[in-house]
Amino acid sequence: MTKIIGITGSLRSASFNTALLHAAKESLPNNSALEIVTLKGIPLYDGDIESTEGIPQAVTTLQDKIAAADGLLLATPEYNNSMPGVFKNGLDWLSRPPSATARVFRNRPVAVIGATPGGFGTVLAQNAWLPVLRTLGTSPWFGGRLLVSRAHQIFNENGAMVDETARQQLADFLVGFIEFIHISNKLRR
């Protein structure tokens, strides 16, 4: 069983990116599982909090989930032509303390997807993630790209993906990412 952790980069309950992860969960090939997590409950990073109170429980729980997974799927909105601050903040916490970075991220297969109401998808946000993923030591998958534009036409008011072309693109993307996970994990052993 290939286990993937999917993190949504939006806190909004009706987020298109959360809906995209739910559609991904429904579109996974057999022998694959996707656990969807949010960044709710993770405070703004503050070194004083870290030194006096330690790493928040929401962070350590998510660190453990990622470390136990075969791959990581980031569903990123695009805010002001880049990644959302809440998403970057979450990854900043997940890399604390520095000794945790290798356990959580080193050589972890990761893919970035995104949905937006705009016409260009989340291409700029996805590109903004590349230096962060490199710094964390992940193994980003470059074999495919999923940019869902005009998301309000792709998902209905209940968050269900109603566009069959987008659903097929998502399914194809997931097959490629899972193949990459299998190859990457064989090389890590």
N, C-alpha and C. Protein backbone atom coordinates (compact mmCIF):
# COMPACT_ATOMS: atom_id res chain seq x y z
N MET A 1 0.85 -1.18 0.00
CA MET A 1 0.00 0.00 0.00
C MET A 1 0.89 1.24 0.00
N THR A 2 0.67 2.12 -0.96
CA THR A 2 1.40 3.38 -1.02
C THR A 2 0.61 4.42 -0.24
N LYS A 3 1.25 4.97 0.79
CA LYS A 3 0.59 5.94 1.66
C LYS A 3 1.11 7.34 1.36
N ILE A 4 0.17 8.24 1.06
CA ILE A 4 0.50 9.63 0.73
C ILE A 4 -0.19 10.54 1.73
N ILE A 5 0.53 11.54 2.19
CA ILE A 5 -0.07 12.59 3.02
C ILE A 5 -0.31 13.78 2.09
N GLY A 6 -1.54 14.27 2.07
CA GLY A 6 -1.88 15.44 1.27
C GLY A 6 -2.16 16.60 2.19
N ILE A 7 -1.41 17.68 2.02
CA ILE A 7 -1.60 18.87 2.84
C ILE A 7 -2.25 19.95 2.00
N THR A 8 -3.36 20.47 2.50
CA THR A 8 -4.02 21.58 1.83
C THR A 8 -3.44 22.89 2.37
N GLY A 9 -3.13 23.79 1.47
CA GLY A 9 -2.50 25.05 1.85
C GLY A 9 -3.46 26.16 2.15
N SER A 10 -4.72 25.83 2.32
CA SER A 10 -5.74 26.83 2.63
C SER A 10 -6.46 26.44 3.91
N LEU A 11 -6.81 27.43 4.70
CA LEU A 11 -7.57 27.18 5.93
C LEU A 11 -9.08 27.29 5.68
N ARG A 12 -9.45 27.78 4.53
CA ARG A 12 -10.86 28.01 4.21
C ARG A 12 -11.61 26.69 4.10
N SER A 13 -12.76 26.60 4.72
CA SER A 13 -13.52 25.34 4.72
C SER A 13 -13.98 24.95 3.32
N ALA A 14 -14.25 25.91 2.46
CA ALA A 14 -14.70 25.61 1.10
C ALA A 14 -13.55 25.78 0.10
N SER A 15 -12.34 25.46 0.52
CA SER A 15 -11.16 25.63 -0.30
C SER A 15 -11.19 24.74 -1.54
N PHE A 16 -10.84 25.33 -2.68
CA PHE A 16 -10.72 24.54 -3.91
C PHE A 16 -9.58 23.53 -3.78
N ASN A 17 -8.54 23.87 -3.04
CA ASN A 17 -7.40 22.96 -2.90
C ASN A 17 -7.72 21.78 -2.00
N THR A 18 -8.54 22.00 -0.99
CA THR A 18 -9.01 20.88 -0.19
C THR A 18 -9.91 19.99 -1.04
N ALA A 19 -10.76 20.61 -1.84
CA ALA A 19 -11.62 19.85 -2.76
C ALA A 19 -10.78 19.06 -3.76
N LEU A 20 -9.67 19.64 -4.21
CA LEU A 20 -8.78 18.95 -5.14
C LEU A 20 -8.17 17.71 -4.48
N LEU A 21 -7.80 17.82 -3.22
CA LEU A 21 -7.27 16.65 -2.51
C LEU A 21 -8.34 15.57 -2.33
N HIS A 22 -9.58 15.98 -2.07
CA HIS A 22 -10.66 14.99 -1.95
C HIS A 22 -10.89 14.29 -3.28
N ALA A 23 -10.82 15.05 -4.37
CA ALA A 23 -10.95 14.42 -5.69
C ALA A 23 -9.77 13.49 -5.94
N ALA A 24 -8.58 13.86 -5.49
CA ALA A 24 -7.41 12.99 -5.64
C ALA A 24 -7.61 11.69 -4.87
N LYS A 25 -8.16 11.79 -3.68
CA LYS A 25 -8.40 10.60 -2.86
C LYS A 25 -9.32 9.62 -3.59
N GLU A 26 -10.32 10.17 -4.29
CA GLU A 26 -11.27 9.34 -5.04
C GLU A 26 -10.65 8.78 -6.33
N SER A 27 -9.59 9.41 -6.82
CA SER A 27 -9.00 9.05 -8.12
C SER A 27 -7.74 8.20 -8.00
N LEU A 28 -7.36 7.86 -6.79
CA LEU A 28 -6.12 7.09 -6.60
C LEU A 28 -6.22 5.70 -7.22
N PRO A 29 -5.10 5.22 -7.74
CA PRO A 29 -5.07 3.83 -8.20
C PRO A 29 -5.19 2.88 -7.00
N ASN A 30 -5.50 1.63 -7.29
CA ASN A 30 -5.57 0.61 -6.24
C ASN A 30 -4.24 0.52 -5.51
N ASN A 31 -4.29 0.05 -4.28
CA ASN A 31 -3.11 -0.10 -3.43
C ASN A 31 -2.47 1.24 -3.07
N SER A 32 -3.28 2.29 -3.03
CA SER A 32 -2.81 3.62 -2.65
C SER A 32 -3.81 4.23 -1.69
N ALA A 33 -3.30 5.04 -0.77
CA ALA A 33 -4.17 5.74 0.18
C ALA A 33 -3.66 7.16 0.35
N LEU A 34 -4.60 8.09 0.49
CA LEU A 34 -4.28 9.49 0.69
C LEU A 34 -4.95 9.96 1.97
N GLU A 35 -4.15 10.45 2.90
CA GLU A 35 -4.69 11.07 4.11
C GLU A 35 -4.57 12.58 3.94
N ILE A 36 -5.69 13.26 4.05
CA ILE A 36 -5.73 14.71 3.86
C ILE A 36 -5.61 15.39 5.22
N VAL A 37 -4.67 16.32 5.31
CA VAL A 37 -4.48 17.07 6.55
C VAL A 37 -4.50 18.57 6.24
N THR A 38 -4.83 19.34 7.28
CA THR A 38 -4.82 20.79 7.15
C THR A 38 -3.76 21.36 8.09
N LEU A 39 -3.57 22.63 7.98
CA LEU A 39 -2.61 23.34 8.83
C LEU A 39 -3.31 24.04 9.99
N LYS A 40 -4.59 23.76 10.17
CA LYS A 40 -5.32 24.37 11.29
C LYS A 40 -4.68 23.93 12.60
N GLY A 41 -4.56 24.89 13.51
CA GLY A 41 -3.98 24.60 14.81
C GLY A 41 -2.49 24.83 14.88
N ILE A 42 -1.85 25.13 13.75
CA ILE A 42 -0.42 25.44 13.77
C ILE A 42 -0.28 26.95 13.90
N PRO A 43 0.36 27.43 14.99
CA PRO A 43 0.48 28.88 15.19
C PRO A 43 1.52 29.48 14.25
N LEU A 44 1.56 30.80 14.22
CA LEU A 44 2.63 31.47 13.49
C LEU A 44 3.96 31.09 14.13
N TYR A 45 4.95 30.85 13.28
CA TYR A 45 6.24 30.46 13.83
C TYR A 45 6.80 31.59 14.69
N ASP A 46 7.28 31.23 15.87
CA ASP A 46 7.89 32.18 16.79
C ASP A 46 8.97 31.42 17.55
N GLY A 47 10.22 31.81 17.35
CA GLY A 47 11.33 31.16 18.02
C GLY A 47 11.21 31.19 19.53
N ASP A 48 10.56 32.22 20.08
CA ASP A 48 10.35 32.29 21.53
C ASP A 48 9.41 31.18 21.98
N ILE A 49 8.35 30.94 21.21
CA ILE A 49 7.44 29.84 21.55
C ILE A 49 8.19 28.51 21.49
N GLU A 50 8.99 28.35 20.44
CA GLU A 50 9.75 27.10 20.30
C GLU A 50 10.68 26.89 21.49
N SER A 51 11.37 27.93 21.93
CA SER A 51 12.34 27.75 23.01
C SER A 51 11.69 27.64 24.39
N THR A 52 10.52 28.24 24.59
CA THR A 52 9.89 28.17 25.92
C THR A 52 8.86 27.06 26.05
N GLU A 53 8.14 26.77 24.95
CA GLU A 53 7.06 25.79 25.01
C GLU A 53 7.35 24.53 24.20
N GLY A 54 8.35 24.60 23.35
CA GLY A 54 8.65 23.46 22.49
C GLY A 54 7.84 23.50 21.19
N ILE A 55 7.94 22.41 20.45
CA ILE A 55 7.23 22.29 19.18
C ILE A 55 5.76 21.99 19.48
N PRO A 56 4.82 22.74 18.89
CA PRO A 56 3.40 22.47 19.15
C PRO A 56 2.99 21.05 18.76
N GLN A 57 2.06 20.50 19.50
CA GLN A 57 1.59 19.12 19.27
C GLN A 57 1.08 18.94 17.84
N ALA A 58 0.38 19.94 17.29
CA ALA A 58 -0.12 19.84 15.91
C ALA A 58 1.02 19.64 14.93
N VAL A 59 2.16 20.24 15.21
CA VAL A 59 3.33 20.11 14.33
C VAL A 59 3.95 18.72 14.47
N THR A 60 4.18 18.26 15.70
CA THR A 60 4.82 16.96 15.88
C THR A 60 3.94 15.83 15.35
N THR A 61 2.64 15.97 15.49
CA THR A 61 1.73 14.96 14.94
C THR A 61 1.86 14.90 13.42
N LEU A 62 1.91 16.06 12.78
CA LEU A 62 2.04 16.10 11.32
C LEU A 62 3.43 15.63 10.89
N GLN A 63 4.46 15.97 11.64
CA GLN A 63 5.80 15.47 11.32
C GLN A 63 5.81 13.94 11.30
N ASP A 64 5.19 13.33 12.31
CA ASP A 64 5.15 11.87 12.39
C ASP A 64 4.38 11.26 11.22
N LYS A 65 3.29 11.90 10.82
CA LYS A 65 2.50 11.40 9.69
C LYS A 65 3.31 11.45 8.39
N ILE A 66 4.00 12.56 8.17
CA ILE A 66 4.80 12.70 6.95
C ILE A 66 5.94 11.69 6.95
N ALA A 67 6.62 11.55 8.10
CA ALA A 67 7.75 10.63 8.20
C ALA A 67 7.34 9.18 7.94
N ALA A 68 6.10 8.85 8.28
CA ALA A 68 5.61 7.48 8.09
C ALA A 68 5.03 7.24 6.69
N ALA A 69 4.89 8.29 5.90
CA ALA A 69 4.27 8.19 4.57
C ALA A 69 5.32 7.88 3.50
N ASP A 70 4.83 7.38 2.38
CA ASP A 70 5.70 7.12 1.24
C ASP A 70 5.91 8.36 0.39
N GLY A 71 4.95 9.28 0.42
CA GLY A 71 5.04 10.49 -0.39
C GLY A 71 4.21 11.61 0.21
N LEU A 72 4.45 12.81 -0.29
CA LEU A 72 3.79 14.02 0.19
C LEU A 72 3.21 14.77 -1.01
N LEU A 73 1.95 15.13 -0.91
CA LEU A 73 1.25 15.86 -1.97
C LEU A 73 0.80 17.21 -1.41
N LEU A 74 1.34 18.29 -1.94
CA LEU A 74 1.01 19.63 -1.49
C LEU A 74 0.00 20.25 -2.45
N ALA A 75 -1.15 20.67 -1.93
CA ALA A 75 -2.17 21.34 -2.75
C ALA A 75 -2.14 22.82 -2.40
N THR A 76 -1.54 23.60 -3.28
CA THR A 76 -1.27 25.00 -2.97
C THR A 76 -2.18 25.97 -3.69
N PRO A 77 -2.81 26.87 -2.95
CA PRO A 77 -3.42 28.03 -3.59
C PRO A 77 -2.32 28.96 -4.10
N GLU A 78 -2.70 29.97 -4.84
CA GLU A 78 -1.75 31.00 -5.26
C GLU A 78 -2.27 32.34 -4.79
N TYR A 79 -1.50 32.96 -3.90
CA TYR A 79 -1.85 34.27 -3.37
C TYR A 79 -0.78 35.27 -3.81
N ASN A 80 -1.21 36.32 -4.48
CA ASN A 80 -0.29 37.37 -4.93
C ASN A 80 0.92 36.79 -5.68
N ASN A 81 0.63 35.85 -6.58
CA ASN A 81 1.64 35.25 -7.46
C ASN A 81 2.66 34.40 -6.72
N SER A 82 2.30 33.86 -5.56
CA SER A 82 3.24 33.03 -4.83
C SER A 82 2.48 32.07 -3.91
N MET A 83 3.24 31.39 -3.04
CA MET A 83 2.65 30.46 -2.08
C MET A 83 1.95 31.23 -0.97
N PRO A 84 0.93 30.64 -0.36
CA PRO A 84 0.26 31.28 0.77
C PRO A 84 1.16 31.28 2.00
N GLY A 85 1.09 32.37 2.75
CA GLY A 85 1.88 32.49 3.97
C GLY A 85 1.60 31.39 4.97
N VAL A 86 0.33 31.00 5.10
CA VAL A 86 -0.02 29.96 6.08
C VAL A 86 0.64 28.63 5.71
N PHE A 87 0.78 28.36 4.42
CA PHE A 87 1.40 27.12 3.97
C PHE A 87 2.91 27.14 4.25
N LYS A 88 3.55 28.25 3.91
CA LYS A 88 4.98 28.38 4.17
C LYS A 88 5.24 28.31 5.67
N ASN A 89 4.41 28.95 6.47
CA ASN A 89 4.54 28.90 7.93
C ASN A 89 4.46 27.46 8.42
N GLY A 90 3.53 26.69 7.88
CA GLY A 90 3.40 25.29 8.28
C GLY A 90 4.66 24.50 7.98
N LEU A 91 5.23 24.69 6.79
CA LEU A 91 6.47 23.98 6.44
C LEU A 91 7.64 24.47 7.28
N ASP A 92 7.64 25.75 7.63
CA ASP A 92 8.70 26.26 8.51
C ASP A 92 8.65 25.57 9.87
N TRP A 93 7.46 25.42 10.44
CA TRP A 93 7.32 24.70 11.70
C TRP A 93 7.72 23.23 11.55
N LEU A 94 7.32 22.62 10.43
CA LEU A 94 7.62 21.20 10.23
C LEU A 94 9.12 20.92 10.13
N SER A 95 9.91 21.95 9.85
CA SER A 95 11.36 21.78 9.76
C SER A 95 12.05 22.08 11.09
N ARG A 96 11.28 22.20 12.16
CA ARG A 96 11.82 22.51 13.49
C ARG A 96 11.71 21.30 14.40
N PRO A 97 12.63 21.06 15.27
CA PRO A 97 13.96 21.65 15.27
C PRO A 97 14.71 21.19 14.02
N PRO A 98 15.81 21.84 13.70
CA PRO A 98 16.54 21.49 12.48
C PRO A 98 16.86 20.00 12.37
N SER A 99 17.03 19.33 13.48
CA SER A 99 17.33 17.89 13.45
C SER A 99 16.15 17.07 12.93
N ALA A 100 14.95 17.63 12.93
CA ALA A 100 13.76 16.92 12.43
C ALA A 100 13.66 16.94 10.91
N THR A 101 14.33 17.88 10.28
CA THR A 101 14.18 18.07 8.84
C THR A 101 14.50 16.80 8.06
N ALA A 102 15.58 16.14 8.38
CA ALA A 102 15.95 14.93 7.64
C ALA A 102 14.91 13.84 7.82
N ARG A 103 14.44 13.62 9.04
CA ARG A 103 13.45 12.56 9.29
C ARG A 103 12.15 12.82 8.53
N VAL A 104 11.75 14.06 8.47
CA VAL A 104 10.46 14.42 7.87
C VAL A 104 10.58 14.57 6.35
N PHE A 105 11.64 15.19 5.87
CA PHE A 105 11.67 15.60 4.47
C PHE A 105 12.75 14.96 3.59
N ARG A 106 13.88 14.57 4.12
CA ARG A 106 15.00 14.16 3.27
C ARG A 106 14.61 13.04 2.33
N ASN A 107 14.78 13.31 1.04
CA ASN A 107 14.49 12.38 -0.05
C ASN A 107 13.02 11.94 -0.11
N ARG A 108 12.14 12.64 0.57
CA ARG A 108 10.71 12.30 0.54
C ARG A 108 10.16 12.70 -0.83
N PRO A 109 9.57 11.76 -1.57
CA PRO A 109 8.92 12.11 -2.83
C PRO A 109 7.78 13.09 -2.58
N VAL A 110 7.78 14.18 -3.33
CA VAL A 110 6.77 15.22 -3.14
C VAL A 110 6.31 15.74 -4.49
N ALA A 111 5.01 16.02 -4.55
CA ALA A 111 4.44 16.64 -5.75
C ALA A 111 3.60 17.82 -5.31
N VAL A 112 3.50 18.81 -6.18
CA VAL A 112 2.73 20.01 -5.89
C VAL A 112 1.63 20.14 -6.93
N ILE A 113 0.41 20.35 -6.46
CA ILE A 113 -0.74 20.59 -7.32
C ILE A 113 -1.42 21.85 -6.82
N GLY A 114 -2.38 22.36 -7.56
CA GLY A 114 -3.08 23.52 -7.07
C GLY A 114 -4.28 23.88 -7.92
N ALA A 115 -5.22 24.55 -7.27
CA ALA A 115 -6.45 25.00 -7.93
C ALA A 115 -6.70 26.45 -7.57
N THR A 116 -7.21 27.19 -8.53
CA THR A 116 -7.49 28.61 -8.32
C THR A 116 -8.62 29.05 -9.24
N PRO A 117 -9.37 30.07 -8.85
CA PRO A 117 -10.39 30.60 -9.75
C PRO A 117 -9.79 31.32 -10.96
N GLY A 118 -8.54 31.73 -10.88
CA GLY A 118 -7.89 32.47 -11.96
C GLY A 118 -7.64 31.62 -13.19
N GLY A 119 -7.16 32.27 -14.24
CA GLY A 119 -6.98 31.62 -15.52
C GLY A 119 -5.64 30.95 -15.75
N PHE A 120 -4.66 31.17 -14.88
CA PHE A 120 -3.33 30.62 -15.11
C PHE A 120 -2.99 29.47 -14.18
N GLY A 121 -3.96 28.96 -13.47
CA GLY A 121 -3.68 27.89 -12.53
C GLY A 121 -2.80 28.42 -11.41
N THR A 122 -2.02 27.55 -10.82
CA THR A 122 -1.16 27.95 -9.71
C THR A 122 0.31 27.83 -10.09
N VAL A 123 0.61 28.16 -11.32
CA VAL A 123 1.96 27.97 -11.84
C VAL A 123 2.99 28.75 -11.04
N LEU A 124 2.69 29.98 -10.66
CA LEU A 124 3.68 30.78 -9.93
C LEU A 124 3.86 30.28 -8.50
N ALA A 125 2.78 29.85 -7.86
CA ALA A 125 2.90 29.29 -6.51
C ALA A 125 3.70 27.99 -6.56
N GLN A 126 3.43 27.15 -7.55
CA GLN A 126 4.16 25.89 -7.66
C GLN A 126 5.65 26.15 -7.89
N ASN A 127 5.97 27.13 -8.71
CA ASN A 127 7.38 27.46 -8.94
C ASN A 127 8.02 28.02 -7.68
N ALA A 128 7.26 28.78 -6.88
CA ALA A 128 7.79 29.35 -5.64
C ALA A 128 8.14 28.25 -4.63
N TRP A 129 7.49 27.11 -4.73
CA TRP A 129 7.78 26.01 -3.80
C TRP A 129 9.11 25.33 -4.08
N LEU A 130 9.62 25.42 -5.29
CA LEU A 130 10.82 24.65 -5.66
C LEU A 130 12.03 24.94 -4.79
N PRO A 131 12.40 26.21 -4.51
CA PRO A 131 13.56 26.43 -3.65
C PRO A 131 13.33 25.93 -2.22
N VAL A 132 12.10 26.00 -1.74
CA VAL A 132 11.79 25.50 -0.40
C VAL A 132 11.96 23.99 -0.35
N LEU A 133 11.41 23.30 -1.34
CA LEU A 133 11.51 21.84 -1.39
C LEU A 133 12.96 21.39 -1.53
N ARG A 134 13.74 22.15 -2.29
CA ARG A 134 15.17 21.84 -2.44
C ARG A 134 15.88 22.02 -1.10
N THR A 135 15.61 23.10 -0.41
CA THR A 135 16.24 23.37 0.88
C THR A 135 15.89 22.29 1.90
N LEU A 136 14.67 21.79 1.87
CA LEU A 136 14.25 20.75 2.81
C LEU A 136 14.82 19.38 2.44
N GLY A 137 15.40 19.26 1.26
CA GLY A 137 16.01 18.00 0.84
C GLY A 137 15.03 16.98 0.31
N THR A 138 13.86 17.43 -0.12
CA THR A 138 12.86 16.51 -0.67
C THR A 138 13.29 16.04 -2.05
N SER A 139 12.51 15.12 -2.58
CA SER A 139 12.71 14.63 -3.93
C SER A 139 11.47 15.00 -4.75
N PRO A 140 11.45 16.22 -5.31
CA PRO A 140 10.27 16.67 -6.05
C PRO A 140 10.07 15.89 -7.35
N TRP A 141 8.80 15.63 -7.66
CA TRP A 141 8.48 14.96 -8.92
C TRP A 141 8.24 16.02 -9.99
N PHE A 142 9.01 15.93 -11.05
CA PHE A 142 8.88 16.89 -12.15
C PHE A 142 8.27 16.26 -13.39
N GLY A 143 7.76 15.02 -13.25
CA GLY A 143 7.22 14.31 -14.40
C GLY A 143 5.83 14.73 -14.82
N GLY A 144 5.21 15.56 -14.06
CA GLY A 144 3.87 16.02 -14.39
C GLY A 144 3.56 17.30 -13.67
N ARG A 145 2.53 17.97 -14.15
CA ARG A 145 2.12 19.22 -13.52
C ARG A 145 0.60 19.27 -13.56
N LEU A 146 0.01 19.66 -12.46
CA LEU A 146 -1.44 19.79 -12.42
C LEU A 146 -1.78 21.19 -11.95
N LEU A 147 -2.30 21.98 -12.87
CA LEU A 147 -2.68 23.37 -12.63
C LEU A 147 -4.17 23.50 -12.94
N VAL A 148 -4.99 23.56 -11.91
CA VAL A 148 -6.43 23.66 -12.13
C VAL A 148 -6.83 25.13 -12.11
N SER A 149 -7.13 25.64 -13.29
CA SER A 149 -7.60 27.03 -13.39
C SER A 149 -9.12 27.05 -13.47
N ARG A 150 -9.70 28.21 -13.22
CA ARG A 150 -11.15 28.39 -13.23
C ARG A 150 -11.84 27.31 -12.37
N ALA A 151 -11.31 27.15 -11.17
CA ALA A 151 -11.76 26.08 -10.27
C ALA A 151 -13.25 26.16 -9.97
N HIS A 152 -13.82 27.33 -10.00
CA HIS A 152 -15.26 27.47 -9.74
C HIS A 152 -16.10 26.78 -10.81
N GLN A 153 -15.49 26.46 -11.96
CA GLN A 153 -16.18 25.71 -13.01
C GLN A 153 -15.85 24.21 -12.95
N ILE A 154 -14.82 23.85 -12.22
CA ILE A 154 -14.35 22.47 -12.11
C ILE A 154 -15.03 21.74 -10.95
N PHE A 155 -15.30 22.50 -9.88
CA PHE A 155 -15.94 21.96 -8.67
C PHE A 155 -17.32 22.56 -8.51
N ASN A 156 -18.26 21.75 -8.02
CA ASN A 156 -19.60 22.29 -7.76
C ASN A 156 -19.63 22.95 -6.39
N GLU A 157 -20.79 23.43 -5.99
CA GLU A 157 -20.93 24.15 -4.72
C GLU A 157 -20.66 23.26 -3.50
N ASN A 158 -20.69 21.97 -3.67
CA ASN A 158 -20.40 21.03 -2.58
C ASN A 158 -18.93 20.59 -2.57
N GLY A 159 -18.13 21.10 -3.50
CA GLY A 159 -16.72 20.77 -3.56
C GLY A 159 -16.40 19.53 -4.38
N ALA A 160 -17.39 18.95 -5.04
CA ALA A 160 -17.16 17.76 -5.87
C ALA A 160 -16.61 18.19 -7.23
N MET A 161 -15.63 17.45 -7.72
CA MET A 161 -15.09 17.71 -9.05
C MET A 161 -16.09 17.23 -10.08
N VAL A 162 -16.56 18.15 -10.92
CA VAL A 162 -17.60 17.81 -11.90
C VAL A 162 -17.09 17.84 -13.33
N ASP A 163 -15.87 18.26 -13.53
CA ASP A 163 -15.30 18.32 -14.87
C ASP A 163 -14.53 17.03 -15.14
N GLU A 164 -14.98 16.27 -16.13
CA GLU A 164 -14.38 14.96 -16.41
C GLU A 164 -12.97 15.08 -16.98
N THR A 165 -12.69 16.11 -17.76
CA THR A 165 -11.34 16.29 -18.28
C THR A 165 -10.37 16.53 -17.13
N ALA A 166 -10.74 17.39 -16.20
CA ALA A 166 -9.90 17.65 -15.03
C ALA A 166 -9.73 16.39 -14.19
N ARG A 167 -10.79 15.61 -14.05
CA ARG A 167 -10.72 14.37 -13.27
C ARG A 167 -9.72 13.39 -13.91
N GLN A 168 -9.74 13.29 -15.24
CA GLN A 168 -8.80 12.39 -15.92
C GLN A 168 -7.37 12.90 -15.81
N GLN A 169 -7.18 14.22 -15.91
CA GLN A 169 -5.84 14.80 -15.74
C GLN A 169 -5.31 14.50 -14.33
N LEU A 170 -6.18 14.62 -13.34
CA LEU A 170 -5.79 14.32 -11.96
C LEU A 170 -5.42 12.85 -11.81
N ALA A 171 -6.23 11.97 -12.36
CA ALA A 171 -5.96 10.53 -12.26
C ALA A 171 -4.62 10.19 -12.93
N ASP A 172 -4.36 10.76 -14.10
CA ASP A 172 -3.09 10.52 -14.81
C ASP A 172 -1.91 11.05 -14.00
N PHE A 173 -2.09 12.23 -13.41
CA PHE A 173 -1.04 12.82 -12.57
C PHE A 173 -0.72 11.89 -11.41
N LEU A 174 -1.74 11.38 -10.75
CA LEU A 174 -1.54 10.51 -9.58
C LEU A 174 -0.84 9.21 -9.95
N VAL A 175 -1.18 8.63 -11.09
CA VAL A 175 -0.50 7.41 -11.54
C VAL A 175 1.00 7.69 -11.71
N GLY A 176 1.32 8.80 -12.35
CA GLY A 176 2.73 9.16 -12.53
C GLY A 176 3.44 9.41 -11.22
N PHE A 177 2.79 10.12 -10.30
CA PHE A 177 3.40 10.40 -9.01
C PHE A 177 3.63 9.13 -8.21
N ILE A 178 2.68 8.23 -8.23
CA ILE A 178 2.84 6.98 -7.48
C ILE A 178 3.96 6.13 -8.08
N GLU A 179 4.09 6.11 -9.40
CA GLU A 179 5.21 5.41 -10.02
C GLU A 179 6.54 6.02 -9.56
N PHE A 180 6.58 7.34 -9.49
CA PHE A 180 7.77 8.04 -9.02
C PHE A 180 8.08 7.68 -7.57
N ILE A 181 7.05 7.61 -6.74
CA ILE A 181 7.23 7.23 -5.33
C ILE A 181 7.87 5.84 -5.25
N HIS A 182 7.35 4.90 -6.02
CA HIS A 182 7.88 3.54 -5.99
C HIS A 182 9.35 3.50 -6.40
N ILE A 183 9.68 4.20 -7.46
CA ILE A 183 11.08 4.26 -7.93
C ILE A 183 11.96 4.93 -6.89
N SER A 184 11.51 6.07 -6.37
CA SER A 184 12.30 6.81 -5.38
C SER A 184 12.54 6.00 -4.12
N ASN A 185 11.51 5.33 -3.66
CA ASN A 185 11.64 4.57 -2.41
C ASN A 185 12.53 3.33 -2.59
N LYS A 186 12.54 2.74 -3.78
CA LYS A 186 13.46 1.62 -4.04
C LYS A 186 14.90 2.11 -4.01
N LEU A 187 15.14 3.31 -4.55
CA LEU A 187 16.49 3.87 -4.56
C LEU A 187 16.95 4.26 -3.16
N ARG A 188 16.01 4.64 -2.29
CA ARG A 188 16.36 5.04 -0.92
C ARG A 188 16.77 3.86 -0.06
N ARG A 189 16.32 2.67 -0.40
CA ARG A 189 16.59 1.48 0.42
C ARG A 189 17.94 0.97 0.20
